[in-house]
Amino acid sequence: MAQAFVNSKIQPGKVVVFIIPTCPYCRRAQELLSQLPFKQGLLELDITAHGDTNDIQDYLQQLTGARTVPRVFIGKECIGGCSDLVNMHEKGELLTRLKQIRALQ
């Protein structure tokens, strides 16, 4: 079930971030992304509303090599966690990538 849930969220042209709201790194990733002008429905923050958080994290580990959150996907590619997201943003790579997938207004 966790595998189907995760796979249904990861889609081309969309940014999905698997988070746990109490995690400070997840909040930082949310703050950074919330400042960007995403088109309606192309940014999704998800995980804890779903009951099997441990199973989801186990599957994320299989998929990405890391169980930690946040796990940030741009399209079908996992770019990593909060530090990776911040580094991409600081280098200007995040905006370039988001424009490539047409996620921004």
C-alpha atoms as a PDB file:
ATOM      1  CA  MET A   1       0.000   0.000   0.000  1.00  0.00           C
ATOM      2  CA  ALA A   2       2.846   2.428   0.822  1.00  0.00           C
ATOM      3  CA  GLN A   3       4.463   1.695  -2.530  1.00  0.00           C
ATOM      4  CA  ALA A   4       1.245   2.437  -4.417  1.00  0.00           C
ATOM      5  CA  PHE A   5       0.719   5.620  -2.385  1.00  0.00           C
ATOM      6  CA  VAL A   6       4.227   6.961  -3.066  1.00  0.00           C
ATOM      7  CA  ASN A   7       4.177   5.980  -6.730  1.00  0.00           C
ATOM      8  CA  SER A   8       0.803   7.685  -7.216  1.00  0.00           C
ATOM      9  CA  LYS A   9       2.232  10.963  -5.901  1.00  0.00           C
ATOM     10  CA  ILE A  10       5.443  11.053  -7.956  1.00  0.00           C
ATOM     11  CA  GLN A  11       4.507  12.403 -11.371  1.00  0.00           C
ATOM     12  CA  PRO A  12       6.208  14.201 -14.258  1.00  0.00           C
ATOM     13  CA  GLY A  13       5.765  17.967 -14.086  1.00  0.00           C
ATOM     14  CA  LYS A  14       5.010  17.953 -10.374  1.00  0.00           C
ATOM     15  CA  VAL A  15       6.987  18.562  -7.195  1.00  0.00           C
ATOM     16  CA  VAL A  16       6.157  16.324  -4.269  1.00  0.00           C
ATOM     17  CA  VAL A  17       7.796  16.487  -0.879  1.00  0.00           C
ATOM     18  CA  PHE A  18       7.308  13.700   1.615  1.00  0.00           C
ATOM     19  CA  ILE A  19       7.305  15.324   5.047  1.00  0.00           C
ATOM     20  CA  ILE A  20       6.509  14.924   8.711  1.00  0.00           C
ATOM     21  CA  PRO A  21       5.173  18.267  10.034  1.00  0.00           C
ATOM     22  CA  THR A  22       7.120  18.126  13.310  1.00  0.00           C
ATOM     23  CA  CYS A  23      10.458  17.757  11.503  1.00  0.00           C
ATOM     24  CA  PRO A  24      12.426  21.043  11.391  1.00  0.00           C
ATOM     25  CA  TYR A  25      14.069  20.091   8.083  1.00  0.00           C
ATOM     26  CA  CYS A  26      10.650  19.425   6.579  1.00  0.00           C
ATOM     27  CA  ARG A  27       9.427  22.819   7.773  1.00  0.00           C
ATOM     28  CA  ARG A  28      12.487  24.480   6.221  1.00  0.00           C
ATOM     29  CA  ALA A  29      11.852  22.766   2.888  1.00  0.00           C
ATOM     30  CA  GLN A  30       8.183  23.800   3.067  1.00  0.00           C
ATOM     31  CA  GLU A  31       9.126  27.414   3.800  1.00  0.00           C
ATOM     32  CA  LEU A  32      11.533  27.564   0.884  1.00  0.00           C
ATOM     33  CA  LEU A  33       9.093  26.032  -1.584  1.00  0.00           C
ATOM     34  CA  SER A  34       6.137  28.093  -0.354  1.00  0.00           C
ATOM     35  CA  GLN A  35       7.973  31.253  -1.456  1.00  0.00           C
ATOM     36  CA  LEU A  36       7.980  30.118  -5.084  1.00  0.00           C
ATOM     37  CA  PRO A  37       5.096  30.815  -7.512  1.00  0.00           C
ATOM     38  CA  PHE A  38       3.964  27.257  -8.223  1.00  0.00           C
ATOM     39  CA  LYS A  39       1.078  26.664 -10.582  1.00  0.00           C
ATOM     40  CA  GLN A  40      -2.030  25.356  -8.837  1.00  0.00           C
ATOM     41  CA  GLY A  41      -1.696  21.686  -7.915  1.00  0.00           C
ATOM     42  CA  LEU A  42       1.952  21.241  -8.935  1.00  0.00           C
ATOM     43  CA  LEU A  43       3.423  21.319  -5.419  1.00  0.00           C
ATOM     44  CA  GLU A  44       2.341  18.656  -2.978  1.00  0.00           C
ATOM     45  CA  LEU A  45       3.495  18.094   0.584  1.00  0.00           C
ATOM     46  CA  ASP A  46       2.503  14.671   1.815  1.00  0.00           C
ATOM     47  CA  ILE A  47       3.055  11.767   4.178  1.00  0.00           C
ATOM     48  CA  THR A  48       1.704  12.084   7.693  1.00  0.00           C
ATOM     49  CA  ALA A  49      -1.969  12.293   6.846  1.00  0.00           C
ATOM     50  CA  HIS A  50      -1.415   8.768   5.641  1.00  0.00           C
ATOM     51  CA  GLY A  51      -1.508   6.149   8.399  1.00  0.00           C
ATOM     52  CA  ASP A  52       1.494   3.994   7.541  1.00  0.00           C
ATOM     53  CA  THR A  53       4.323   6.524   7.824  1.00  0.00           C
ATOM     54  CA  ASN A  54       6.917   3.865   8.663  1.00  0.00           C
ATOM     55  CA  ASP A  55       5.993   1.804   5.614  1.00  0.00           C
ATOM     56  CA  ILE A  56       6.190   4.908   3.435  1.00  0.00           C
ATOM     57  CA  GLN A  57       9.630   5.762   4.799  1.00  0.00           C
ATOM     58  CA  ASP A  58      10.763   2.165   4.272  1.00  0.00           C
ATOM     59  CA  TYR A  59       9.663   2.351   0.640  1.00  0.00           C
ATOM     60  CA  LEU A  60      11.330   5.759   0.202  1.00  0.00           C
ATOM     61  CA  GLN A  61      14.551   4.143   1.414  1.00  0.00           C
ATOM     62  CA  GLN A  62      14.231   1.409  -1.204  1.00  0.00           C
ATOM     63  CA  LEU A  63      13.462   3.981  -3.873  1.00  0.00           C
ATOM     64  CA  THR A  64      16.010   6.693  -2.990  1.00  0.00           C
ATOM     65  CA  GLY A  65      18.546   5.136  -0.647  1.00  0.00           C
ATOM     66  CA  ALA A  66      17.434   7.318   2.271  1.00  0.00           C
ATOM     67  CA  ARG A  67      14.633   6.891   4.764  1.00  0.00           C
ATOM     68  CA  THR A  68      14.829  10.394   6.165  1.00  0.00           C
ATOM     69  CA  VAL A  69      12.371  13.166   5.426  1.00  0.00           C
ATOM     70  CA  PRO A  70      11.929  15.394   3.659  1.00  0.00           C
ATOM     71  CA  ARG A  71      12.370  13.496   0.412  1.00  0.00           C
ATOM     72  CA  VAL A  72      11.969  15.961  -2.437  1.00  0.00           C
ATOM     73  CA  PHE A  73      10.951  14.800  -5.902  1.00  0.00           C
ATOM     74  CA  ILE A  74      11.020  17.040  -8.939  1.00  0.00           C
ATOM     75  CA  GLY A  75       9.096  15.085 -11.491  1.00  0.00           C
ATOM     76  CA  LYS A  76      10.145  11.457 -11.151  1.00  0.00           C
ATOM     77  CA  GLU A  77      13.617  12.284  -9.791  1.00  0.00           C
ATOM     78  CA  CYS A  78      14.442  12.468  -6.100  1.00  0.00           C
ATOM     79  CA  ILE A  79      16.796  15.396  -5.560  1.00  0.00           C
ATOM     80  CA  GLY A  80      17.365  14.460  -1.914  1.00  0.00           C
ATOM     81  CA  GLY A  81      16.430  16.190   1.300  1.00  0.00           C
ATOM     82  CA  CYS A  82      16.367  19.672   2.768  1.00  0.00           C
ATOM     83  CA  SER A  83      20.103  20.370   2.400  1.00  0.00           C
ATOM     84  CA  ASP A  84      20.011  19.302  -1.232  1.00  0.00           C
ATOM     85  CA  LEU A  85      16.989  21.524  -1.877  1.00  0.00           C
ATOM     86  CA  VAL A  86      18.630  24.531  -0.194  1.00  0.00           C
ATOM     87  CA  ASN A  87      21.883  23.952  -2.114  1.00  0.00           C
ATOM     88  CA  MET A  88      20.015  23.763  -5.420  1.00  0.00           C
ATOM     89  CA  HIS A  89      18.178  26.973  -4.575  1.00  0.00           C
ATOM     90  CA  GLU A  90      21.350  28.825  -3.582  1.00  0.00           C
ATOM     91  CA  LYS A  91      23.064  27.806  -6.834  1.00  0.00           C
ATOM     92  CA  GLY A  92      20.054  28.909  -8.912  1.00  0.00           C
ATOM     93  CA  GLU A  93      19.490  25.340 -10.079  1.00  0.00           C
ATOM     94  CA  LEU A  94      16.110  24.923  -8.379  1.00  0.00           C
ATOM     95  CA  LEU A  95      14.357  27.670 -10.331  1.00  0.00           C
ATOM     96  CA  THR A  96      15.916  26.425 -13.560  1.00  0.00           C
ATOM     97  CA  ARG A  97      14.699  22.917 -12.871  1.00  0.00           C
ATOM     98  CA  LEU A  98      11.194  24.053 -11.907  1.00  0.00           C
ATOM     99  CA  LYS A  99      10.963  26.135 -15.087  1.00  0.00           C
ATOM    100  CA  GLN A 100      12.047  23.120 -17.146  1.00  0.00           C
ATOM    101  CA  ILE A 101       9.105  21.095 -15.880  1.00  0.00           C
ATOM    102  CA  ARG A 102       6.796  24.139 -16.176  1.00  0.00           C
ATOM    103  CA  ALA A 103       5.804  24.014 -12.507  1.00  0.00           C
ATOM    104  CA  LEU A 104       6.013  27.778 -11.960  1.00  0.00           C
ATOM    105  CA  GLN A 105       3.588  30.506 -12.974  1.00  0.00           C
END
